[in-house]
PDB file of N, CA and C in Angstrom:
ATOM      1  N   MET A   1       0.845  -1.182   0.000  1.00  0.00           N
ATOM      2  CA  MET A   1       0.000   0.000   0.000  1.00  0.00           C
ATOM      3  C   MET A   1       0.887   1.241   0.000  1.00  0.00           C
ATOM      4  N   ASN A   2       0.349   2.315  -0.484  1.00  0.00           N
ATOM      5  CA  ASN A   2       1.041   3.586  -0.558  1.00  0.00           C
ATOM      6  C   ASN A   2       1.451   4.057   0.850  1.00  0.00           C
ATOM      7  N   PRO A   3       2.722   4.468   1.029  1.00  0.00           N
ATOM      8  CA  PRO A   3       3.153   4.937   2.355  1.00  0.00           C
ATOM      9  C   PRO A   3       2.362   6.149   2.847  1.00  0.00           C
ATOM     10  N   PHE A   4       1.948   7.007   1.926  1.00  0.00           N
ATOM     11  CA  PHE A   4       1.144   8.163   2.324  1.00  0.00           C
ATOM     12  C   PHE A   4      -0.164   7.710   2.954  1.00  0.00           C
ATOM     13  N   LEU A   5      -0.847   6.749   2.315  1.00  0.00           N
ATOM     14  CA  LEU A   5      -2.110   6.261   2.866  1.00  0.00           C
ATOM     15  C   LEU A   5      -1.915   5.532   4.188  1.00  0.00           C
ATOM     16  N   GLN A   6      -0.820   4.819   4.307  1.00  0.00           N
ATOM     17  CA  GLN A   6      -0.535   4.153   5.586  1.00  0.00           C
ATOM     18  C   GLN A   6      -0.360   5.177   6.693  1.00  0.00           C
ATOM     19  N   ASN A   7       0.354   6.258   6.393  1.00  0.00           N
ATOM     20  CA  ASN A   7       0.545   7.312   7.397  1.00  0.00           C
ATOM     21  C   ASN A   7      -0.774   8.006   7.717  1.00  0.00           C
ATOM     22  N   VAL A   8      -1.608   8.208   6.705  1.00  0.00           N
ATOM     23  CA  VAL A   8      -2.927   8.812   6.951  1.00  0.00           C
ATOM     24  C   VAL A   8      -3.748   7.895   7.858  1.00  0.00           C
ATOM     25  N   GLU A   9      -3.694   6.600   7.618  1.00  0.00           N
ATOM     26  CA  GLU A   9      -4.425   5.657   8.476  1.00  0.00           C
ATOM     27  C   GLU A   9      -3.926   5.726   9.917  1.00  0.00           C
ATOM     28  N   ARG A  10      -2.623   5.807  10.083  1.00  0.00           N
ATOM     29  CA  ARG A  10      -2.069   5.916  11.451  1.00  0.00           C
ATOM     30  C   ARG A  10      -2.526   7.200  12.133  1.00  0.00           C
ATOM     31  N   TRP A  11      -2.429   8.312  11.412  1.00  0.00           N
ATOM     32  CA  TRP A  11      -2.894   9.586  11.967  1.00  0.00           C
ATOM     33  C   TRP A  11      -4.384   9.512  12.293  1.00  0.00           C
ATOM     34  N   HIS A  12      -5.137   8.881  11.423  1.00  0.00           N
ATOM     35  CA  HIS A  12      -6.577   8.783  11.634  1.00  0.00           C
ATOM     36  C   HIS A  12      -6.898   8.036  12.923  1.00  0.00           C
ATOM     37  N   VAL A  13      -6.234   6.918  13.130  1.00  0.00           N
ATOM     38  CA  VAL A  13      -6.488   6.135  14.349  1.00  0.00           C
ATOM     39  C   VAL A  13      -6.104   6.950  15.592  1.00  0.00           C
ATOM     40  N   ALA A  14      -4.959   7.607  15.547  1.00  0.00           N
ATOM     41  CA  ALA A  14      -4.509   8.393  16.701  1.00  0.00           C
ATOM     42  C   ALA A  14      -5.446   9.573  16.968  1.00  0.00           C
ATOM     43  N   LEU A  15      -5.805  10.299  15.923  1.00  0.00           N
ATOM     44  CA  LEU A  15      -6.688  11.455  16.102  1.00  0.00           C
ATOM     45  C   LEU A  15      -8.093  11.037  16.508  1.00  0.00           C
ATOM     46  N   LEU A  16      -8.556   9.905  15.993  1.00  0.00           N
ATOM     47  CA  LEU A  16      -9.879   9.422  16.372  1.00  0.00           C
ATOM     48  C   LEU A  16      -9.903   9.031  17.845  1.00  0.00           C
ATOM     49  N   ALA A  17      -8.856   8.363  18.321  1.00  0.00           N
ATOM     50  CA  ALA A  17      -8.777   8.015  19.745  1.00  0.00           C
ATOM     51  C   ALA A  17      -8.752   9.274  20.608  1.00  0.00           C
ATOM     52  N   LEU A  18      -8.008  10.269  20.159  1.00  0.00           N
ATOM     53  CA  LEU A  18      -7.938  11.540  20.896  1.00  0.00           C
ATOM     54  C   LEU A  18      -9.303  12.238  20.902  1.00  0.00           C
ATOM     55  N   ALA A  19      -9.972  12.261  19.766  1.00  0.00           N
ATOM     56  CA  ALA A  19     -11.271  12.926  19.676  1.00  0.00           C
ATOM     57  C   ALA A  19     -12.335  12.205  20.503  1.00  0.00           C
ATOM     58  N   VAL A  20     -12.333  10.878  20.465  1.00  0.00           N
ATOM     59  CA  VAL A  20     -13.308  10.123  21.262  1.00  0.00           C
ATOM     60  C   VAL A  20     -13.049  10.343  22.752  1.00  0.00           C
ATOM     61  N   SER A  21     -11.787  10.369  23.144  1.00  0.00           N
ATOM     62  CA  SER A  21     -11.451  10.632  24.547  1.00  0.00           C
ATOM     63  C   SER A  21     -11.911  12.022  24.964  1.00  0.00           C
ATOM     64  N   ALA A  22     -11.655  13.006  24.117  1.00  0.00           N
ATOM     65  CA  ALA A  22     -12.082  14.373  24.421  1.00  0.00           C
ATOM     66  C   ALA A  22     -13.604  14.473  24.492  1.00  0.00           C
ATOM     67  N   ALA A  23     -14.289  13.770  23.607  1.00  0.00           N
ATOM     68  CA  ALA A  23     -15.750  13.787  23.632  1.00  0.00           C
ATOM     69  C   ALA A  23     -16.294  13.125  24.894  1.00  0.00           C
ATOM     70  N   ALA A  24     -15.624  12.080  25.342  1.00  0.00           N
ATOM     71  CA  ALA A  24     -16.067  11.399  26.564  1.00  0.00           C
ATOM     72  C   ALA A  24     -15.865  12.287  27.786  1.00  0.00           C
ATOM     73  N   VAL A  25     -14.786  13.043  27.795  1.00  0.00           N
ATOM     74  CA  VAL A  25     -14.495  13.912  28.941  1.00  0.00           C
ATOM     75  C   VAL A  25     -15.401  15.137  28.952  1.00  0.00           C
ATOM     76  N   THR A  26     -15.576  15.764  27.798  1.00  0.00           N
ATOM     77  CA  THR A  26     -16.341  17.007  27.750  1.00  0.00           C
ATOM     78  C   THR A  26     -17.837  16.805  27.620  1.00  0.00           C
ATOM     79  N   ALA A  27     -18.280  15.686  27.081  1.00  0.00           N
ATOM     80  CA  ALA A  27     -19.699  15.370  26.865  1.00  0.00           C
ATOM     81  C   ALA A  27     -20.389  16.394  25.971  1.00  0.00           C
ATOM     82  N   ARG A  28     -19.644  17.029  25.069  1.00  0.00           N
ATOM     83  CA  ARG A  28     -20.239  17.975  24.104  1.00  0.00           C
ATOM     84  C   ARG A  28     -20.960  17.232  22.987  1.00  0.00           C
ATOM     85  N   VAL A  29     -20.339  16.159  22.521  1.00  0.00           N
ATOM     86  CA  VAL A  29     -20.951  15.304  21.502  1.00  0.00           C
ATOM     87  C   VAL A  29     -20.869  13.863  21.994  1.00  0.00           C
ATOM     88  N   SER A  30     -21.656  13.019  21.388  1.00  0.00           N
ATOM     89  CA  SER A  30     -21.660  11.616  21.777  1.00  0.00           C
ATOM     90  C   SER A  30     -20.371  10.938  21.321  1.00  0.00           C
ATOM     91  N   PRO A  31     -19.594  10.366  22.245  1.00  0.00           N
ATOM     92  CA  PRO A  31     -18.366   9.694  21.834  1.00  0.00           C
ATOM     93  C   PRO A  31     -18.630   8.473  20.952  1.00  0.00           C
ATOM     94  N   ILE A  32     -19.754   7.804  21.171  1.00  0.00           N
ATOM     95  CA  ILE A  32     -20.076   6.635  20.349  1.00  0.00           C
ATOM     96  C   ILE A  32     -20.376   7.067  18.912  1.00  0.00           C
ATOM     97  N   SER A  33     -21.149   8.140  18.755  1.00  0.00           N
ATOM     98  CA  SER A  33     -21.442   8.645  17.415  1.00  0.00           C
ATOM     99  C   SER A  33     -20.176   9.133  16.724  1.00  0.00           C
ATOM    100  N   LEU A  34     -19.311   9.785  17.479  1.00  0.00           N
ATOM    101  CA  LEU A  34     -18.044  10.253  16.935  1.00  0.00           C
ATOM    102  C   LEU A  34     -17.209   9.068  16.457  1.00  0.00           C
ATOM    103  N   PHE A  35     -17.161   8.024  17.266  1.00  0.00           N
ATOM    104  CA  PHE A  35     -16.403   6.833  16.885  1.00  0.00           C
ATOM    105  C   PHE A  35     -16.994   6.172  15.649  1.00  0.00           C
ATOM    106  N   ILE A  36     -18.319   6.086  15.589  1.00  0.00           N
ATOM    107  CA  ILE A  36     -18.960   5.463  14.429  1.00  0.00           C
ATOM    108  C   ILE A  36     -18.643   6.251  13.161  1.00  0.00           C
ATOM    109  N   GLY A  37     -18.702   7.577  13.227  1.00  0.00           N
ATOM    110  CA  GLY A  37     -18.367   8.397  12.068  1.00  0.00           C
ATOM    111  C   GLY A  37     -16.930   8.198  11.619  1.00  0.00           C
ATOM    112  N   GLY A  38     -16.015   8.160  12.580  1.00  0.00           N
ATOM    113  CA  GLY A  38     -14.612   7.928  12.245  1.00  0.00           C
ATOM    114  C   GLY A  38     -14.366   6.524  11.727  1.00  0.00           C
ATOM    115  N   ALA A  39     -15.051   5.548  12.297  1.00  0.00           N
ATOM    116  CA  ALA A  39     -14.882   4.164  11.858  1.00  0.00           C
ATOM    117  C   ALA A  39     -15.410   3.968  10.439  1.00  0.00           C
ATOM    118  N   VAL A  40     -16.537   4.584  10.129  1.00  0.00           N
ATOM    119  CA  VAL A  40     -17.087   4.485   8.777  1.00  0.00           C
ATOM    120  C   VAL A  40     -16.094   5.056   7.769  1.00  0.00           C
ATOM    121  N   MET A  41     -15.527   6.203   8.076  1.00  0.00           N
ATOM    122  CA  MET A  41     -14.565   6.812   7.155  1.00  0.00           C
ATOM    123  C   MET A  41     -13.282   5.989   7.069  1.00  0.00           C
ATOM    124  N   GLY A  42     -12.846   5.427   8.177  1.00  0.00           N
ATOM    125  CA  GLY A  42     -11.643   4.597   8.165  1.00  0.00           C
ATOM    126  C   GLY A  42     -11.823   3.343   7.327  1.00  0.00           C
ATOM    127  N   VAL A  43     -12.960   2.695   7.475  1.00  0.00           N
ATOM    128  CA  VAL A  43     -13.239   1.496   6.685  1.00  0.00           C
ATOM    129  C   VAL A  43     -13.381   1.863   5.210  1.00  0.00           C
ATOM    130  N   ASN A  44     -14.017   3.003   4.945  1.00  0.00           N
ATOM    131  CA  ASN A  44     -14.163   3.458   3.566  1.00  0.00           C
ATOM    132  C   ASN A  44     -12.791   3.718   2.933  1.00  0.00           C
ATOM    133  N   LEU A  45     -11.899   4.382   3.649  1.00  0.00           N
ATOM    134  CA  LEU A  45     -10.548   4.638   3.138  1.00  0.00           C
ATOM    135  C   LEU A  45      -9.818   3.320   2.890  1.00  0.00           C
ATOM    136  N   TRP A  46      -9.932   2.394   3.808  1.00  0.00           N
ATOM    137  CA  TRP A  46      -9.245   1.117   3.668  1.00  0.00           C
ATOM    138  C   TRP A  46      -9.740   0.361   2.433  1.00  0.00           C
ATOM    139  N   THR A  47     -11.072   0.298   2.264  1.00  0.00           N
ATOM    140  CA  THR A  47     -11.601  -0.435   1.104  1.00  0.00           C
ATOM    141  C   THR A  47     -11.252   0.272  -0.202  1.00  0.00           C
ATOM    142  N   MET A  48     -11.312   1.588  -0.216  1.00  0.00           N
ATOM    143  CA  MET A  48     -10.941   2.320  -1.430  1.00  0.00           C
ATOM    144  C   MET A  48      -9.473   2.099  -1.764  1.00  0.00           C
ATOM    145  N   GLY A  49      -8.624   2.080  -0.764  1.00  0.00           N
ATOM    146  CA  GLY A  49      -7.200   1.817  -0.997  1.00  0.00           C
ATOM    147  C   GLY A  49      -6.965   0.447  -1.600  1.00  0.00           C
ATOM    148  N   ARG A  50      -7.669  -0.554  -1.096  1.00  0.00           N
ATOM    149  CA  ARG A  50      -7.511  -1.902  -1.630  1.00  0.00           C
ATOM    150  C   ARG A  50      -8.030  -2.006  -3.060  1.00  0.00           C
ATOM    151  N   ILE A  51      -9.144  -1.345  -3.325  1.00  0.00           N
ATOM    152  CA  ILE A  51      -9.693  -1.393  -4.680  1.00  0.00           C
ATOM    153  C   ILE A  51      -8.785  -0.651  -5.651  1.00  0.00           C
ATOM    154  N   PHE A  52      -8.319   0.527  -5.287  1.00  0.00           N
ATOM    155  CA  PHE A  52      -7.452   1.291  -6.187  1.00  0.00           C
ATOM    156  C   PHE A  52      -6.102   0.617  -6.367  1.00  0.00           C
ATOM    157  N   GLN A  53      -5.675  -0.135  -5.383  1.00  0.00           N
ATOM    158  CA  GLN A  53      -4.439  -0.895  -5.523  1.00  0.00           C
ATOM    159  C   GLN A  53      -4.567  -1.888  -6.680  1.00  0.00           C
ATOM    160  N   ARG A  54      -5.731  -2.437  -6.852  1.00  0.00           N
ATOM    161  CA  ARG A  54      -5.963  -3.362  -7.970  1.00  0.00           C
ATOM    162  C   ARG A  54      -6.085  -2.624  -9.296  1.00  0.00           C
ATOM    163  N   VAL A  55      -6.554  -1.388  -9.251  1.00  0.00           N
ATOM    164  CA  VAL A  55      -6.648  -0.603 -10.485  1.00  0.00           C
ATOM    165  C   VAL A  55      -5.250  -0.254 -10.989  1.00  0.00           C
ATOM    166  N   VAL A  56      -4.387   0.145 -10.078  1.00  0.00           N
ATOM    167  CA  VAL A  56      -3.042   0.585 -10.451  1.00  0.00           C
ATOM    168  C   VAL A  56      -2.192  -0.586 -10.923  1.00  0.00           C
ATOM    169  N   ARG A  57      -2.368  -1.744 -10.319  1.00  0.00           N
ATOM    170  CA  ARG A  57      -1.558  -2.916 -10.660  1.00  0.00           C
ATOM    171  C   ARG A  57      -2.432  -4.082 -11.119  1.00  0.00           C
ATOM    172  N   PRO A  58      -3.106  -3.916 -12.234  1.00  0.00           N
ATOM    173  CA  PRO A  58      -3.921  -5.046 -12.695  1.00  0.00           C
ATOM    174  C   PRO A  58      -3.029  -6.167 -13.220  1.00  0.00           C
ATOM    175  N   THR A  59      -3.399  -7.382 -12.904  1.00  0.00           N
ATOM    176  CA  THR A  59      -2.615  -8.530 -13.363  1.00  0.00           C
ATOM    177  C   THR A  59      -3.276  -9.223 -14.545  1.00  0.00           C
ATOM    178  N   GLU A  60      -4.527  -8.947 -14.757  1.00  0.00           N
ATOM    179  CA  GLU A  60      -5.247  -9.559 -15.862  1.00  0.00           C
ATOM    180  C   GLU A  60      -6.014  -8.475 -16.611  1.00  0.00           C
ATOM    181  N   GLU A  61      -6.354  -8.760 -17.854  1.00  0.00           N
ATOM    182  CA  GLU A  61      -7.121  -7.804 -18.638  1.00  0.00           C
ATOM    183  C   GLU A  61      -8.514  -7.584 -18.068  1.00  0.00           C
ATOM    184  N   GLN A  62      -9.130  -8.637 -17.612  1.00  0.00           N
ATOM    185  CA  GLN A  62     -10.500  -8.550 -17.128  1.00  0.00           C
ATOM    186  C   GLN A  62     -10.600  -7.957 -15.722  1.00  0.00           C
ATOM    187  N   ARG A  63      -9.493  -7.774 -15.058  1.00  0.00           N
ATOM    188  CA  ARG A  63      -9.543  -7.289 -13.686  1.00  0.00           C
ATOM    189  C   ARG A  63     -10.161  -5.895 -13.604  1.00  0.00           C
ATOM    190  N   GLY A  64      -9.966  -5.075 -14.615  1.00  0.00           N
ATOM    191  CA  GLY A  64     -10.553  -3.734 -14.614  1.00  0.00           C
ATOM    192  C   GLY A  64     -12.062  -3.761 -14.480  1.00  0.00           C
ATOM    193  N   VAL A  65     -12.701  -4.710 -15.139  1.00  0.00           N
ATOM    194  CA  VAL A  65     -14.150  -4.851 -15.041  1.00  0.00           C
ATOM    195  C   VAL A  65     -14.539  -5.231 -13.614  1.00  0.00           C
ATOM    196  N   TRP A  66     -13.776  -6.119 -13.013  1.00  0.00           N
ATOM    197  CA  TRP A  66     -14.047  -6.529 -11.629  1.00  0.00           C
ATOM    198  C   TRP A  66     -13.883  -5.364 -10.670  1.00  0.00           C
ATOM    199  N   VAL A  67     -12.882  -4.531 -10.912  1.00  0.00           N
ATOM    200  CA  VAL A  67     -12.640  -3.395 -10.019  1.00  0.00           C
ATOM    201  C   VAL A  67     -13.804  -2.413 -10.090  1.00  0.00           C
ATOM    202  N   VAL A  68     -14.289  -2.139 -11.268  1.00  0.00           N
ATOM    203  CA  VAL A  68     -15.445  -1.247 -11.404  1.00  0.00           C
ATOM    204  C   VAL A  68     -16.651  -1.859 -10.695  1.00  0.00           C
ATOM    205  N   GLY A  69     -16.832  -3.149 -10.857  1.00  0.00           N
ATOM    206  CA  GLY A  69     -17.922  -3.831 -10.162  1.00  0.00           C
ATOM    207  C   GLY A  69     -17.774  -3.743  -8.647  1.00  0.00           C
ATOM    208  N   LEU A  70     -16.557  -3.907  -8.163  1.00  0.00           N
ATOM    209  CA  LEU A  70     -16.312  -3.783  -6.721  1.00  0.00           C
ATOM    210  C   LEU A  70     -16.593  -2.375  -6.226  1.00  0.00           C
ATOM    211  N   MET A  71     -16.242  -1.374  -7.016  1.00  0.00           N
ATOM    212  CA  MET A  71     -16.508   0.016  -6.616  1.00  0.00           C
ATOM    213  C   MET A  71     -18.009   0.271  -6.494  1.00  0.00           C
ATOM    214  N   VAL A  72     -18.762  -0.193  -7.469  1.00  0.00           N
ATOM    215  CA  VAL A  72     -20.215  -0.008  -7.438  1.00  0.00           C
ATOM    216  C   VAL A  72     -20.813  -0.763  -6.255  1.00  0.00           C
ATOM    217  N   LEU A  73     -20.355  -1.982  -6.037  1.00  0.00           N
ATOM    218  CA  LEU A  73     -20.841  -2.775  -4.910  1.00  0.00           C
ATOM    219  C   LEU A  73     -20.496  -2.122  -3.578  1.00  0.00           C
ATOM    220  N   LYS A  74     -19.278  -1.632  -3.440  1.00  0.00           N
ATOM    221  CA  LYS A  74     -18.862  -0.964  -2.202  1.00  0.00           C
ATOM    222  C   LYS A  74     -19.701   0.280  -1.952  1.00  0.00           C
ATOM    223  N   PHE A  75     -19.925   1.062  -2.995  1.00  0.00           N
ATOM    224  CA  PHE A  75     -20.724   2.273  -2.866  1.00  0.00           C
ATOM    225  C   PHE A  75     -22.144   1.944  -2.417  1.00  0.00           C
ATOM    226  N   ALA A  76     -22.758   0.983  -3.060  1.00  0.00           N
ATOM    227  CA  ALA A  76     -24.129   0.601  -2.706  1.00  0.00           C
ATOM    228  C   ALA A  76     -24.192   0.026  -1.294  1.00  0.00           C
ATOM    229  N   LEU A  77     -23.225  -0.801  -0.943  1.00  0.00           N
ATOM    230  CA  LEU A  77     -23.200  -1.396   0.390  1.00  0.00           C
ATOM    231  C   LEU A  77     -23.022  -0.334   1.472  1.00  0.00           C
ATOM    232  N   PHE A  78     -22.095   0.603   1.256  1.00  0.00           N
ATOM    233  CA  PHE A  78     -21.877   1.642   2.257  1.00  0.00           C
ATOM    234  C   PHE A  78     -23.092   2.549   2.412  1.00  0.00           C
ATOM    235  N   LEU A  79     -23.718   2.928   1.305  1.00  0.00           N
ATOM    236  CA  LEU A  79     -24.913   3.766   1.415  1.00  0.00           C
ATOM    237  C   LEU A  79     -26.040   3.034   2.129  1.00  0.00           C
ATOM    238  N   SER A  80     -26.209   1.762   1.830  1.00  0.00           N
ATOM    239  CA  SER A  80     -27.254   0.970   2.489  1.00  0.00           C
ATOM    240  C   SER A  80     -26.990   0.838   3.980  1.00  0.00           C
ATOM    241  N   LEU A  81     -25.752   0.546   4.332  1.00  0.00           N
ATOM    242  CA  LEU A  81     -25.409   0.406   5.749  1.00  0.00           C
ATOM    243  C   LEU A  81     -25.559   1.721   6.499  1.00  0.00           C
ATOM    244  N   LEU A  82     -25.146   2.823   5.881  1.00  0.00           N
ATOM    245  CA  LEU A  82     -25.301   4.130   6.536  1.00  0.00           C
ATOM    246  C   LEU A  82     -26.772   4.479   6.716  1.00  0.00           C
ATOM    247  N   ALA A  83     -27.582   4.220   5.705  1.00  0.00           N
ATOM    248  CA  ALA A  83     -29.017   4.498   5.824  1.00  0.00           C
ATOM    249  C   ALA A  83     -29.628   3.661   6.942  1.00  0.00           C
ATOM    250  N   ALA A  84     -29.299   2.381   6.975  1.00  0.00           N
ATOM    251  CA  ALA A  84     -29.821   1.511   8.035  1.00  0.00           C
ATOM    252  C   ALA A  84     -29.333   1.962   9.407  1.00  0.00           C
ATOM    253  N   LEU A  85     -28.096   2.391   9.459  1.00  0.00           N
ATOM    254  CA  LEU A  85     -27.523   2.844  10.729  1.00  0.00           C
ATOM    255  C   LEU A  85     -28.257   4.071  11.255  1.00  0.00           C
ATOM    256  N   PHE A  86     -28.506   5.040  10.381  1.00  0.00           N
ATOM    257  CA  PHE A  86     -29.179   6.260  10.828  1.00  0.00           C
ATOM    258  C   PHE A  86     -30.647   6.035  11.159  1.00  0.00           C
ATOM    259  N   TRP A  87     -31.300   5.087  10.491  1.00  0.00           N
ATOM    260  CA  TRP A  87     -32.702   4.834  10.780  1.00  0.00           C
ATOM    261  C   TRP A  87     -32.910   3.942  11.998  1.00  0.00           C
ATOM    262  N   ARG A  88     -31.957   3.090  12.314  1.00  0.00           N
ATOM    263  CA  ARG A  88     -32.132   2.114  13.391  1.00  0.00           C
ATOM    264  C   ARG A  88     -31.434   2.481  14.697  1.00  0.00           C
ATOM    265  N   VAL A  89     -30.340   3.203  14.612  1.00  0.00           N
ATOM    266  CA  VAL A  89     -29.538   3.509  15.808  1.00  0.00           C
ATOM    267  C   VAL A  89     -29.643   5.002  16.094  1.00  0.00           C
ATOM    268  N   PRO A  90     -29.900   5.368  17.350  1.00  0.00           N
ATOM    269  CA  PRO A  90     -29.956   6.805  17.672  1.00  0.00           C
ATOM    270  C   PRO A  90     -28.547   7.410  17.670  1.00  0.00           C
ATOM    271  N   ILE A  91     -28.189   8.033  16.564  1.00  0.00           N
ATOM    272  CA  ILE A  91     -26.859   8.611  16.398  1.00  0.00           C
ATOM    273  C   ILE A  91     -26.954  10.123  16.489  1.00  0.00           C
ATOM    274  N   ASP A  92     -26.040  10.713  17.246  1.00  0.00           N
ATOM    275  CA  ASP A  92     -25.924  12.165  17.315  1.00  0.00           C
ATOM    276  C   ASP A  92     -25.307  12.643  16.003  1.00  0.00           C
ATOM    277  N   PRO A  93     -26.045  13.415  15.195  1.00  0.00           N
ATOM    278  CA  PRO A  93     -25.506  13.808  13.896  1.00  0.00           C
ATOM    279  C   PRO A  93     -24.259  14.685  13.990  1.00  0.00           C
ATOM    280  N   VAL A  94     -24.178  15.516  15.004  1.00  0.00           N
ATOM    281  CA  VAL A  94     -22.993  16.370  15.153  1.00  0.00           C
ATOM    282  C   VAL A  94     -21.780  15.514  15.515  1.00  0.00           C
ATOM    283  N   GLY A  95     -21.954  14.577  16.414  1.00  0.00           N
ATOM    284  CA  GLY A  95     -20.853  13.679  16.770  1.00  0.00           C
ATOM    285  C   GLY A  95     -20.402  12.854  15.585  1.00  0.00           C
ATOM    286  N   PHE A  96     -21.360  12.367  14.800  1.00  0.00           N
ATOM    287  CA  PHE A  96     -21.022  11.596  13.610  1.00  0.00           C
ATOM    288  C   PHE A  96     -20.243  12.462  12.623  1.00  0.00           C
ATOM    289  N   ALA A  97     -20.686  13.686  12.424  1.00  0.00           N
ATOM    290  CA  ALA A  97     -20.004  14.600  11.499  1.00  0.00           C
ATOM    291  C   ALA A  97     -18.590  14.924  11.971  1.00  0.00           C
ATOM    292  N   VAL A  98     -18.419  15.101  13.272  1.00  0.00           N
ATOM    293  CA  VAL A  98     -17.074  15.345  13.804  1.00  0.00           C
ATOM    294  C   VAL A  98     -16.199  14.119  13.558  1.00  0.00           C
ATOM    295  N   GLY A  99     -16.737  12.929  13.748  1.00  0.00           N
ATOM    296  CA  GLY A  99     -15.988  11.702  13.485  1.00  0.00           C
ATOM    297  C   GLY A  99     -15.593  11.575  12.033  1.00  0.00           C
ATOM    298  N   VAL A 100     -16.473  11.984  11.134  1.00  0.00           N
ATOM    299  CA  VAL A 100     -16.167  11.937   9.706  1.00  0.00           C
ATOM    300  C   VAL A 100     -15.015  12.883   9.375  1.00  0.00           C
ATOM    301  N   THR A 101     -15.009  14.059   9.975  1.00  0.00           N
ATOM    302  CA  THR A 101     -13.973  15.045   9.652  1.00  0.00           C
ATOM    303  C   THR A 101     -12.603  14.681  10.214  1.00  0.00           C
ATOM    304  N   VAL A 102     -12.541  13.749  11.140  1.00  0.00           N
ATOM    305  CA  VAL A 102     -11.239  13.342  11.687  1.00  0.00           C
ATOM    306  C   VAL A 102     -10.340  12.787  10.578  1.00  0.00           C
ATOM    307  N   LEU A 103     -10.913  12.051   9.639  1.00  0.00           N
ATOM    308  CA  LEU A 103     -10.113  11.535   8.519  1.00  0.00           C
ATOM    309  C   LEU A 103      -9.588  12.677   7.659  1.00  0.00           C
ATOM    310  N   LEU A 104     -10.411  13.685   7.437  1.00  0.00           N
ATOM    311  CA  LEU A 104      -9.958  14.835   6.653  1.00  0.00           C
ATOM    312  C   LEU A 104      -8.809  15.556   7.347  1.00  0.00           C
ATOM    313  N   VAL A 105      -8.900  15.687   8.656  1.00  0.00           N
ATOM    314  CA  VAL A 105      -7.819  16.309   9.419  1.00  0.00           C
ATOM    315  C   VAL A 105      -6.551  15.463   9.317  1.00  0.00           C
ATOM    316  N   ALA A 106      -6.699  14.154   9.385  1.00  0.00           N
ATOM    317  CA  ALA A 106      -5.538  13.262   9.259  1.00  0.00           C
ATOM    318  C   ALA A 106      -4.877  13.418   7.894  1.00  0.00           C
ATOM    319  N   CYS A 107      -5.673  13.570   6.848  1.00  0.00           N
ATOM    320  CA  CYS A 107      -5.122  13.779   5.498  1.00  0.00           C
ATOM    321  C   CYS A 107      -4.343  15.087   5.424  1.00  0.00           C
ATOM    322  N   VAL A 108      -4.896  16.138   5.995  1.00  0.00           N
ATOM    323  CA  VAL A 108      -4.220  17.441   5.972  1.00  0.00           C
ATOM    324  C   VAL A 108      -2.935  17.390   6.786  1.00  0.00           C
ATOM    325  N   VAL A 109      -2.973  16.771   7.948  1.00  0.00           N
ATOM    326  CA  VAL A 109      -1.775  16.671   8.791  1.00  0.00           C
ATOM    327  C   VAL A 109      -0.666  15.931   8.056  1.00  0.00           C
ATOM    328  N   GLU A 110      -0.993  14.822   7.433  1.00  0.00           N
ATOM    329  CA  GLU A 110       0.027  14.054   6.722  1.00  0.00           C
ATOM    330  C   GLU A 110       0.523  14.801   5.487  1.00  0.00           C
ATOM    331  N   ALA A 111      -0.363  15.495   4.785  1.00  0.00           N
ATOM    332  CA  ALA A 111       0.067  16.281   3.621  1.00  0.00           C
ATOM    333  C   ALA A 111       1.007  17.396   4.043  1.00  0.00           C
ATOM    334  N   LEU A 112       0.696  18.065   5.146  1.00  0.00           N
ATOM    335  CA  LEU A 112       1.595  19.117   5.645  1.00  0.00           C
ATOM    336  C   LEU A 112       2.920  18.530   6.104  1.00  0.00           C
ATOM    337  N   ARG A 113       2.854  17.390   6.750  1.00  0.00           N
ATOM    338  CA  ARG A 113       4.079  16.743   7.220  1.00  0.00           C
ATOM    339  C   ARG A 113       4.954  16.331   6.033  1.00  0.00           C
ATOM    340  N   GLN A 114       4.354  15.790   4.989  1.00  0.00           N
ATOM    341  CA  GLN A 114       5.101  15.400   3.792  1.00  0.00           C
ATOM    342  C   GLN A 114       5.661  16.634   3.084  1.00  0.00           C
ATOM    343  N   GLY A 115       4.897  17.732   3.076  1.00  0.00           N
ATOM    344  CA  GLY A 115       5.333  18.948   2.418  1.00  0.00           C
ATOM    345  C   GLY A 115       6.470  19.658   3.118  1.00  0.00           C
ATOM    346  N   MET A 116       6.623  19.422   4.404  1.00  0.00           N
ATOM    347  CA  MET A 116       7.667  20.086   5.180  1.00  0.00           C
ATOM    348  C   MET A 116       8.995  19.352   5.141  1.00  0.00           C
ATOM    349  N   ARG A 117       9.033  18.206   4.504  1.00  0.00           N
ATOM    350  CA  ARG A 117      10.288  17.458   4.405  1.00  0.00           C
ATOM    351  C   ARG A 117      11.246  18.177   3.463  1.00  0.00           C
ATOM    352  N   PRO A 118      12.528  18.182   3.809  1.00  0.00           N
ATOM    353  CA  PRO A 118      13.491  18.790   2.868  1.00  0.00           C
ATOM    354  C   PRO A 118      13.621  17.926   1.621  1.00  0.00           C
ATOM    355  N   ALA A 119      13.866  18.586   0.513  1.00  0.00           N
ATOM    356  CA  ALA A 119      13.943  17.866  -0.772  1.00  0.00           C
ATOM    357  C   ALA A 119      15.187  17.043  -0.919  1.00  0.00           C
TER     358      ALA A 119
END
């Protein structure tokens, strides 16, 4: 896997743990909802990384068709699971949104860290 994505995943896990801890201490947002939002984004990043890894390094001619099929299946599965999650589980939308943004913060942190390296 790409070292950049691996570092983003590490930052994501660390920042998500920090955010969930802060949410538990301050009780401003639901820590469970925050964790669910971060976990959904983390799993989404992981699956997208695995699928794109197959796009970049196809070993067979027909693999491209399979990758497109996997992308459509992943998209439909994630939307279905998110819809079921929001309709069945009482989730704090603000906490979920904060959890989702933790991945974006991890991406920015790693991009800044990579950009600050000497050439």
